[in-house]
């Protein structure tokens, strides 16, 4: 009997993950309302700062508000599989992952794609449409910008996945990942421009952040969407995203191999 292809496995795992995220409808509505309130509070805060003259950004208040709204809803920085891997390591189930036809990383990736699709359809789009009616966020001005935004968003998801996966693998050496996960989440939120747009950072720091993977998570995709980058700039930043995806892939392979050796040494 032929082994199932990665694509068919991807569809099964992603679909199941998508459906699982919709099981507890009360939680869904609570999360949706909470996120919507946070977006509104962010909009009100930045409008107040602008009206009081407390900011000096090279963009209009409309673009700043659109940026803050988009930054809260397009990217999920914390991923559920980090806790799953930690539990598998603690209870010994991780040894069974070595026997599966689908590698652990691929399995976790397929699950997160399903959750991402669920978040996009059930949270991001409803909030985006509501906020758009209020503050007038429009679609990118050209099909090229829209295409580059989608490409950059996919790479943004990939960057976040790899960062979470590498942190999750630390469970082979650290019994509790809570502090490490919090550090990872807050670092990403700060340096990606989620909490504060990079426009407000010192220029010397921004020059460094631009060549790190963090800017490619939030700041780059949203600026492509808003039309603040031309095609050449967009392609340059997308190239940086690709480079960091390759680097993080190599790092994840190296860490996983050391983790497997650790399982074998300990008799797993």
C-alpha atoms as a PDB file:
ATOM      1  CA  UNK A   1       0.000   0.000   0.000  1.00  0.00           C
ATOM      2  CA  UNK A   2       1.366   3.412  -0.920  1.00  0.00           C
ATOM      3  CA  UNK A   3       2.351   5.733   1.857  1.00  0.00           C
ATOM      4  CA  UNK A   4       0.170   8.877   2.064  1.00  0.00           C
ATOM      5  CA  UNK A   5       1.709  11.929   0.461  1.00  0.00           C
ATOM      6  CA  UNK A   6       2.752  14.948   2.483  1.00  0.00           C
ATOM      7  CA  UNK A   7       0.012  16.945   0.786  1.00  0.00           C
ATOM      8  CA  UNK A   8      -2.777  14.571   1.799  1.00  0.00           C
ATOM      9  CA  UNK A   9      -1.331  14.398   5.316  1.00  0.00           C
ATOM     10  CA  UNK A  10      -1.156  18.175   5.381  1.00  0.00           C
ATOM     11  CA  UNK A  11      -4.840  18.425   4.466  1.00  0.00           C
ATOM     12  CA  UNK A  12      -5.885  15.920   7.142  1.00  0.00           C
ATOM     13  CA  UNK A  13      -3.813  17.398   9.984  1.00  0.00           C
ATOM     14  CA  UNK A  14      -4.550  21.029   9.100  1.00  0.00           C
ATOM     15  CA  UNK A  15      -8.269  20.359   8.718  1.00  0.00           C
ATOM     16  CA  UNK A  16      -8.422  18.597  12.083  1.00  0.00           C
ATOM     17  CA  UNK A  17      -6.497  21.423  13.738  1.00  0.00           C
ATOM     18  CA  UNK A  18      -8.846  23.938  12.119  1.00  0.00           C
ATOM     19  CA  UNK A  19     -11.920  22.093  13.423  1.00  0.00           C
ATOM     20  CA  UNK A  20     -10.429  21.622  16.895  1.00  0.00           C
ATOM     21  CA  UNK A  21      -9.996  25.364  17.245  1.00  0.00           C
ATOM     22  CA  UNK A  22     -13.739  25.804  16.688  1.00  0.00           C
ATOM     23  CA  UNK A  23     -14.917  23.216  19.235  1.00  0.00           C
ATOM     24  CA  UNK A  24     -15.305  25.553  22.191  1.00  0.00           C
ATOM     25  CA  UNK A  25     -17.487  28.274  20.718  1.00  0.00           C
ATOM     26  CA  UNK A  26     -17.761  30.193  23.993  1.00  0.00           C
ATOM     27  CA  UNK A  27     -13.971  30.534  24.074  1.00  0.00           C
ATOM     28  CA  UNK A  28     -14.009  31.666  20.458  1.00  0.00           C
ATOM     29  CA  UNK A  29     -16.488  34.472  21.104  1.00  0.00           C
ATOM     30  CA  UNK A  30     -14.658  35.536  24.267  1.00  0.00           C
ATOM     31  CA  UNK A  31     -11.340  35.668  22.384  1.00  0.00           C
ATOM     32  CA  UNK A  32     -12.949  37.539  19.493  1.00  0.00           C
ATOM     33  CA  UNK A  33     -14.520  40.160  21.769  1.00  0.00           C
ATOM     34  CA  UNK A  34     -11.327  40.506  23.815  1.00  0.00           C
ATOM     35  CA  UNK A  35      -9.166  41.001  20.728  1.00  0.00           C
ATOM     36  CA  UNK A  36     -11.639  43.483  19.276  1.00  0.00           C
ATOM     37  CA  UNK A  37     -11.601  45.519  22.514  1.00  0.00           C
ATOM     38  CA  UNK A  38      -7.779  45.514  22.552  1.00  0.00           C
ATOM     39  CA  UNK A  39      -7.707  46.734  18.949  1.00  0.00           C
ATOM     40  CA  UNK A  40     -10.152  49.534  19.776  1.00  0.00           C
ATOM     41  CA  UNK A  41      -8.169  50.545  22.864  1.00  0.00           C
ATOM     42  CA  UNK A  42      -4.995  50.663  20.775  1.00  0.00           C
ATOM     43  CA  UNK A  43      -6.677  52.853  18.179  1.00  0.00           C
ATOM     44  CA  UNK A  44      -8.022  55.222  20.847  1.00  0.00           C
ATOM     45  CA  UNK A  45      -4.607  55.415  22.537  1.00  0.00           C
ATOM     46  CA  UNK A  46      -2.666  56.270  19.378  1.00  0.00           C
ATOM     47  CA  UNK A  47      -5.268  58.777  18.243  1.00  0.00           C
ATOM     48  CA  UNK A  48      -4.998  60.473  21.633  1.00  0.00           C
ATOM     49  CA  UNK A  49      -1.191  60.589  21.393  1.00  0.00           C
ATOM     50  CA  UNK A  50      -1.381  62.105  17.936  1.00  0.00           C
ATOM     51  CA  UNK A  51      -3.954  64.713  18.909  1.00  0.00           C
ATOM     52  CA  UNK A  52      -1.857  65.762  21.913  1.00  0.00           C
ATOM     53  CA  UNK A  53       1.249  66.155  19.785  1.00  0.00           C
ATOM     54  CA  UNK A  54       3.005  63.390  21.690  1.00  0.00           C
ATOM     55  CA  UNK A  55       4.302  61.635  18.583  1.00  0.00           C
ATOM     56  CA  UNK A  56       6.522  62.573  15.685  1.00  0.00           C
ATOM     57  CA  UNK A  57       5.953  59.806  13.129  1.00  0.00           C
ATOM     58  CA  UNK A  58       6.633  60.213   9.399  1.00  0.00           C
ATOM     59  CA  UNK A  59       3.129  58.953   8.599  1.00  0.00           C
ATOM     60  CA  UNK A  60      -0.419  60.144   8.973  1.00  0.00           C
ATOM     61  CA  UNK A  61      -2.589  59.315  11.950  1.00  0.00           C
ATOM     62  CA  UNK A  62      -4.815  57.242   9.660  1.00  0.00           C
ATOM     63  CA  UNK A  63      -1.900  55.037   8.587  1.00  0.00           C
ATOM     64  CA  UNK A  64      -0.632  54.732  12.145  1.00  0.00           C
ATOM     65  CA  UNK A  65      -4.049  53.657  13.391  1.00  0.00           C
ATOM     66  CA  UNK A  66      -4.375  51.190  10.487  1.00  0.00           C
ATOM     67  CA  UNK A  67      -0.920  49.815  11.335  1.00  0.00           C
ATOM     68  CA  UNK A  68      -1.766  49.279  15.007  1.00  0.00           C
ATOM     69  CA  UNK A  69      -5.056  47.599  14.118  1.00  0.00           C
ATOM     70  CA  UNK A  70      -3.409  45.264  11.613  1.00  0.00           C
ATOM     71  CA  UNK A  71      -0.476  44.464  13.915  1.00  0.00           C
ATOM     72  CA  UNK A  72      -2.790  42.961  16.499  1.00  0.00           C
ATOM     73  CA  UNK A  73      -4.752  40.717  14.194  1.00  0.00           C
ATOM     74  CA  UNK A  74      -2.569  39.403  11.364  1.00  0.00           C
ATOM     75  CA  UNK A  75       0.129  37.503  13.266  1.00  0.00           C
ATOM     76  CA  UNK A  76      -0.145  35.005  16.124  1.00  0.00           C
ATOM     77  CA  UNK A  77       3.169  35.124  17.980  1.00  0.00           C
ATOM     78  CA  UNK A  78       2.591  32.347  20.524  1.00  0.00           C
ATOM     79  CA  UNK A  79       1.891  28.883  19.107  1.00  0.00           C
ATOM     80  CA  UNK A  80       0.192  26.013  20.936  1.00  0.00           C
ATOM     81  CA  UNK A  81       2.583  23.275  19.879  1.00  0.00           C
ATOM     82  CA  UNK A  82       5.311  24.630  22.196  1.00  0.00           C
ATOM     83  CA  UNK A  83       3.358  23.331  25.181  1.00  0.00           C
ATOM     84  CA  UNK A  84       2.567  20.086  23.324  1.00  0.00           C
ATOM     85  CA  UNK A  85       6.240  19.320  22.717  1.00  0.00           C
ATOM     86  CA  UNK A  86       7.104  20.100  26.326  1.00  0.00           C
ATOM     87  CA  UNK A  87       4.434  17.672  27.541  1.00  0.00           C
ATOM     88  CA  UNK A  88       5.648  14.971  25.133  1.00  0.00           C
ATOM     89  CA  UNK A  89       9.179  15.345  26.474  1.00  0.00           C
ATOM     90  CA  UNK A  90       8.072  15.241  30.110  1.00  0.00           C
ATOM     91  CA  UNK A  91       5.841  12.150  29.760  1.00  0.00           C
ATOM     92  CA  UNK A  92       8.151  10.276  27.383  1.00  0.00           C
ATOM     93  CA  UNK A  93       5.859  10.355  24.352  1.00  0.00           C
ATOM     94  CA  UNK A  94       8.505  12.231  22.394  1.00  0.00           C
ATOM     95  CA  UNK A  95      10.317   8.925  21.754  1.00  0.00           C
ATOM     96  CA  UNK A  96       7.322   7.776  19.722  1.00  0.00           C
ATOM     97  CA  UNK A  97       7.684  10.782  17.435  1.00  0.00           C
ATOM     98  CA  UNK A  98      10.897   9.264  16.097  1.00  0.00           C
ATOM     99  CA  UNK A  99       8.865   6.338  14.713  1.00  0.00           C
ATOM    100  CA  UNK A 100       6.273   8.406  12.887  1.00  0.00           C
ATOM    101  CA  UNK A 101       6.469   8.703   9.081  1.00  0.00           C
ATOM    102  CA  UNK A 102       5.876  12.443   9.394  1.00  0.00           C
ATOM    103  CA  UNK A 103       8.674  14.321  11.221  1.00  0.00           C
ATOM    104  CA  UNK A 104       7.718  16.197  14.393  1.00  0.00           C
ATOM    105  CA  UNK A 105       8.477  19.595  12.849  1.00  0.00           C
ATOM    106  CA  UNK A 106       6.294  18.915   9.823  1.00  0.00           C
ATOM    107  CA  UNK A 107       3.463  17.630  12.022  1.00  0.00           C
ATOM    108  CA  UNK A 108       3.572  20.743  14.204  1.00  0.00           C
ATOM    109  CA  UNK A 109       3.753  22.969  11.113  1.00  0.00           C
ATOM    110  CA  UNK A 110       0.659  21.357   9.582  1.00  0.00           C
ATOM    111  CA  UNK A 111      -1.231  21.837  12.865  1.00  0.00           C
ATOM    112  CA  UNK A 112      -0.280  25.504  13.070  1.00  0.00           C
ATOM    113  CA  UNK A 113      -1.343  26.110   9.464  1.00  0.00           C
ATOM    114  CA  UNK A 114      -4.804  24.851  10.429  1.00  0.00           C
ATOM    115  CA  UNK A 115      -4.906  27.120  13.475  1.00  0.00           C
ATOM    116  CA  UNK A 116      -3.656  30.040  11.386  1.00  0.00           C
ATOM    117  CA  UNK A 117      -6.419  29.475   8.831  1.00  0.00           C
ATOM    118  CA  UNK A 118      -8.962  29.341  11.650  1.00  0.00           C
ATOM    119  CA  UNK A 119      -7.629  32.579  13.155  1.00  0.00           C
ATOM    120  CA  UNK A 120      -7.597  34.264   9.745  1.00  0.00           C
ATOM    121  CA  UNK A 121     -11.181  33.336   8.859  1.00  0.00           C
ATOM    122  CA  UNK A 122     -12.820  33.516  12.271  1.00  0.00           C
ATOM    123  CA  UNK A 123     -10.951  36.371  13.956  1.00  0.00           C
ATOM    124  CA  UNK A 124      -8.747  38.423  11.646  1.00  0.00           C
ATOM    125  CA  UNK A 125     -11.233  39.006   8.813  1.00  0.00           C
ATOM    126  CA  UNK A 126     -14.250  39.886  11.057  1.00  0.00           C
ATOM    127  CA  UNK A 127     -12.188  42.341  13.114  1.00  0.00           C
ATOM    128  CA  UNK A 128     -10.507  43.759  10.015  1.00  0.00           C
ATOM    129  CA  UNK A 129     -13.830  44.388   8.283  1.00  0.00           C
ATOM    130  CA  UNK A 130     -15.266  46.047  11.401  1.00  0.00           C
ATOM    131  CA  UNK A 131     -12.226  48.249  11.914  1.00  0.00           C
ATOM    132  CA  UNK A 132     -12.128  49.099   8.194  1.00  0.00           C
ATOM    133  CA  UNK A 133     -15.646  50.482   8.355  1.00  0.00           C
ATOM    134  CA  UNK A 134     -14.647  52.613  11.328  1.00  0.00           C
ATOM    135  CA  UNK A 135     -11.235  53.988  10.339  1.00  0.00           C
ATOM    136  CA  UNK A 136     -11.347  53.384   6.588  1.00  0.00           C
ATOM    137  CA  UNK A 137      -8.544  50.856   6.047  1.00  0.00           C
ATOM    138  CA  UNK A 138      -8.473  50.113   2.334  1.00  0.00           C
ATOM    139  CA  UNK A 139      -6.916  47.307   0.333  1.00  0.00           C
ATOM    140  CA  UNK A 140      -3.430  47.737  -1.197  1.00  0.00           C
ATOM    141  CA  UNK A 141      -3.378  50.130  -4.130  1.00  0.00           C
ATOM    142  CA  UNK A 142      -2.195  47.532  -6.663  1.00  0.00           C
ATOM    143  CA  UNK A 143      -2.420  43.802  -7.240  1.00  0.00           C
ATOM    144  CA  UNK A 144       1.380  43.670  -7.070  1.00  0.00           C
ATOM    145  CA  UNK A 145       1.365  45.150  -3.564  1.00  0.00           C
ATOM    146  CA  UNK A 146      -1.368  42.730  -2.504  1.00  0.00           C
ATOM    147  CA  UNK A 147       0.627  39.795  -3.880  1.00  0.00           C
ATOM    148  CA  UNK A 148       3.828  40.918  -2.142  1.00  0.00           C
ATOM    149  CA  UNK A 149       1.893  41.382   1.098  1.00  0.00           C
ATOM    150  CA  UNK A 150       0.534  37.820   0.928  1.00  0.00           C
ATOM    151  CA  UNK A 151       4.010  36.446   0.199  1.00  0.00           C
ATOM    152  CA  UNK A 152       5.511  38.453   3.062  1.00  0.00           C
ATOM    153  CA  UNK A 153       2.715  37.329   5.404  1.00  0.00           C
ATOM    154  CA  UNK A 154       3.421  33.670   4.591  1.00  0.00           C
ATOM    155  CA  UNK A 155       7.103  34.202   5.331  1.00  0.00           C
ATOM    156  CA  UNK A 156       6.158  36.058   8.518  1.00  0.00           C
ATOM    157  CA  UNK A 157       4.220  32.998   9.659  1.00  0.00           C
ATOM    158  CA  UNK A 158       7.227  30.824   8.813  1.00  0.00           C
ATOM    159  CA  UNK A 159       9.571  32.995  10.891  1.00  0.00           C
ATOM    160  CA  UNK A 160       7.270  32.830  13.908  1.00  0.00           C
ATOM    161  CA  UNK A 161       6.900  29.074  13.506  1.00  0.00           C
ATOM    162  CA  UNK A 162      10.638  28.456  13.454  1.00  0.00           C
ATOM    163  CA  UNK A 163      11.234  30.683  16.480  1.00  0.00           C
ATOM    164  CA  UNK A 164       8.562  28.819  18.425  1.00  0.00           C
ATOM    165  CA  UNK A 165       9.850  25.434  17.257  1.00  0.00           C
ATOM    166  CA  UNK A 166      13.418  26.146  18.364  1.00  0.00           C
ATOM    167  CA  UNK A 167      12.170  27.335  21.755  1.00  0.00           C
ATOM    168  CA  UNK A 168       9.988  24.215  22.025  1.00  0.00           C
ATOM    169  CA  UNK A 169      13.031  21.995  21.458  1.00  0.00           C
ATOM    170  CA  UNK A 170      14.648  23.561  24.503  1.00  0.00           C
ATOM    171  CA  UNK A 171      12.278  21.290  26.477  1.00  0.00           C
ATOM    172  CA  UNK A 172      14.929  18.580  26.056  1.00  0.00           C
ATOM    173  CA  UNK A 173      17.196  20.604  28.325  1.00  0.00           C
ATOM    174  CA  UNK A 174      14.754  22.791  30.321  1.00  0.00           C
ATOM    175  CA  UNK A 175      11.893  21.255  32.308  1.00  0.00           C
ATOM    176  CA  UNK A 176       9.735  24.405  32.247  1.00  0.00           C
ATOM    177  CA  UNK A 177       9.582  26.592  29.131  1.00  0.00           C
ATOM    178  CA  UNK A 178       7.317  29.273  30.613  1.00  0.00           C
ATOM    179  CA  UNK A 179      10.004  31.906  31.269  1.00  0.00           C
ATOM    180  CA  UNK A 180      11.755  31.215  27.970  1.00  0.00           C
ATOM    181  CA  UNK A 181       8.466  31.422  26.071  1.00  0.00           C
ATOM    182  CA  UNK A 182       7.556  34.726  27.740  1.00  0.00           C
ATOM    183  CA  UNK A 183      10.991  36.129  26.863  1.00  0.00           C
ATOM    184  CA  UNK A 184      10.572  34.961  23.263  1.00  0.00           C
ATOM    185  CA  UNK A 185       7.057  36.416  22.940  1.00  0.00           C
ATOM    186  CA  UNK A 186       7.938  39.799  24.407  1.00  0.00           C
ATOM    187  CA  UNK A 187      11.139  40.083  22.370  1.00  0.00           C
ATOM    188  CA  UNK A 188       9.203  39.408  19.177  1.00  0.00           C
ATOM    189  CA  UNK A 189       6.431  41.848  20.123  1.00  0.00           C
ATOM    190  CA  UNK A 190       8.950  44.601  20.861  1.00  0.00           C
ATOM    191  CA  UNK A 191      11.381  44.202  17.958  1.00  0.00           C
ATOM    192  CA  UNK A 192       8.771  43.274  15.339  1.00  0.00           C
ATOM    193  CA  UNK A 193       6.862  46.510  15.852  1.00  0.00           C
ATOM    194  CA  UNK A 194       3.793  44.913  17.400  1.00  0.00           C
ATOM    195  CA  UNK A 195       3.857  46.972  20.595  1.00  0.00           C
ATOM    196  CA  UNK A 196       5.480  50.105  19.160  1.00  0.00           C
ATOM    197  CA  UNK A 197       5.980  50.723  15.424  1.00  0.00           C
ATOM    198  CA  UNK A 198       9.632  50.822  14.431  1.00  0.00           C
ATOM    199  CA  UNK A 199       9.127  54.408  13.212  1.00  0.00           C
ATOM    200  CA  UNK A 200       9.496  55.486  16.847  1.00  0.00           C
ATOM    201  CA  UNK A 201      12.753  53.591  17.451  1.00  0.00           C
ATOM    202  CA  UNK A 202      16.152  55.330  17.228  1.00  0.00           C
ATOM    203  CA  UNK A 203      17.466  55.169  13.679  1.00  0.00           C
ATOM    204  CA  UNK A 204      20.605  53.326  14.745  1.00  0.00           C
ATOM    205  CA  UNK A 205      18.496  50.597  16.373  1.00  0.00           C
ATOM    206  CA  UNK A 206      16.095  50.379  13.432  1.00  0.00           C
ATOM    207  CA  UNK A 207      19.027  49.771  11.067  1.00  0.00           C
ATOM    208  CA  UNK A 208      19.959  46.735  13.175  1.00  0.00           C
ATOM    209  CA  UNK A 209      16.393  45.453  13.547  1.00  0.00           C
ATOM    210  CA  UNK A 210      15.870  45.632   9.777  1.00  0.00           C
ATOM    211  CA  UNK A 211      18.534  42.967   9.181  1.00  0.00           C
ATOM    212  CA  UNK A 212      17.237  40.728  11.989  1.00  0.00           C
ATOM    213  CA  UNK A 213      14.244  38.402  11.501  1.00  0.00           C
ATOM    214  CA  UNK A 214      11.946  40.352  13.823  1.00  0.00           C
ATOM    215  CA  UNK A 215      11.016  43.225  11.492  1.00  0.00           C
ATOM    216  CA  UNK A 216       9.862  40.689   8.922  1.00  0.00           C
ATOM    217  CA  UNK A 217       7.205  39.383  11.302  1.00  0.00           C
ATOM    218  CA  UNK A 218       4.960  42.453  11.595  1.00  0.00           C
ATOM    219  CA  UNK A 219       6.541  45.713  10.434  1.00  0.00           C
ATOM    220  CA  UNK A 220       7.470  44.602   6.922  1.00  0.00           C
ATOM    221  CA  UNK A 221       4.180  42.890   5.915  1.00  0.00           C
ATOM    222  CA  UNK A 222       2.047  45.749   7.204  1.00  0.00           C
ATOM    223  CA  UNK A 223       4.149  48.428   5.512  1.00  0.00           C
ATOM    224  CA  UNK A 224       3.868  46.519   2.245  1.00  0.00           C
ATOM    225  CA  UNK A 225       0.109  46.423   2.767  1.00  0.00           C
ATOM    226  CA  UNK A 226      -0.066  50.146   3.513  1.00  0.00           C
ATOM    227  CA  UNK A 227       2.039  50.997   0.462  1.00  0.00           C
ATOM    228  CA  UNK A 228       4.907  52.519   2.462  1.00  0.00           C
ATOM    229  CA  UNK A 229       7.430  50.326   0.618  1.00  0.00           C
ATOM    230  CA  UNK A 230       7.841  50.376  -3.135  1.00  0.00           C
ATOM    231  CA  UNK A 231       8.384  47.139  -5.054  1.00  0.00           C
ATOM    232  CA  UNK A 232      12.177  47.263  -4.741  1.00  0.00           C
ATOM    233  CA  UNK A 233      12.056  47.821  -0.984  1.00  0.00           C
ATOM    234  CA  UNK A 234       9.429  45.125  -0.573  1.00  0.00           C
ATOM    235  CA  UNK A 235      11.510  42.584  -2.477  1.00  0.00           C
ATOM    236  CA  UNK A 236      14.585  43.492  -0.430  1.00  0.00           C
ATOM    237  CA  UNK A 237      12.789  42.892   2.864  1.00  0.00           C
ATOM    238  CA  UNK A 238      11.179  39.695   1.548  1.00  0.00           C
ATOM    239  CA  UNK A 239      14.672  38.489   0.598  1.00  0.00           C
ATOM    240  CA  UNK A 240      15.774  39.131   4.202  1.00  0.00           C
ATOM    241  CA  UNK A 241      12.790  37.086   5.391  1.00  0.00           C
ATOM    242  CA  UNK A 242      13.828  34.190   3.143  1.00  0.00           C
ATOM    243  CA  UNK A 243      17.430  34.332   4.352  1.00  0.00           C
ATOM    244  CA  UNK A 244      16.338  34.135   7.980  1.00  0.00           C
ATOM    245  CA  UNK A 245      13.935  31.275   7.248  1.00  0.00           C
ATOM    246  CA  UNK A 246      16.864  29.318   5.800  1.00  0.00           C
ATOM    247  CA  UNK A 247      19.057  30.200   8.799  1.00  0.00           C
ATOM    248  CA  UNK A 248      16.370  29.194  11.310  1.00  0.00           C
ATOM    249  CA  UNK A 249      15.708  25.972   9.392  1.00  0.00           C
ATOM    250  CA  UNK A 250      19.396  25.044   9.676  1.00  0.00           C
ATOM    251  CA  UNK A 251      19.435  25.940  13.374  1.00  0.00           C
ATOM    252  CA  UNK A 252      16.297  23.859  14.006  1.00  0.00           C
ATOM    253  CA  UNK A 253      17.866  20.837  12.254  1.00  0.00           C
ATOM    254  CA  UNK A 254      21.017  21.163  14.366  1.00  0.00           C
ATOM    255  CA  UNK A 255      19.072  21.488  17.631  1.00  0.00           C
ATOM    256  CA  UNK A 256      16.775  18.563  16.737  1.00  0.00           C
ATOM    257  CA  UNK A 257      19.742  16.277  16.003  1.00  0.00           C
ATOM    258  CA  UNK A 258      21.276  17.111  19.370  1.00  0.00           C
ATOM    259  CA  UNK A 259      17.898  16.495  21.016  1.00  0.00           C
ATOM    260  CA  UNK A 260      17.589  13.069  19.353  1.00  0.00           C
ATOM    261  CA  UNK A 261      21.066  12.153  20.566  1.00  0.00           C
ATOM    262  CA  UNK A 262      20.004  13.204  24.040  1.00  0.00           C
ATOM    263  CA  UNK A 263      17.008  10.836  23.844  1.00  0.00           C
ATOM    264  CA  UNK A 264      19.261   7.960  22.805  1.00  0.00           C
ATOM    265  CA  UNK A 265      21.878   8.697  25.482  1.00  0.00           C
ATOM    266  CA  UNK A 266      19.154   8.695  28.163  1.00  0.00           C
ATOM    267  CA  UNK A 267      17.751   5.393  26.872  1.00  0.00           C
ATOM    268  CA  UNK A 268      14.606   6.888  25.229  1.00  0.00           C
END
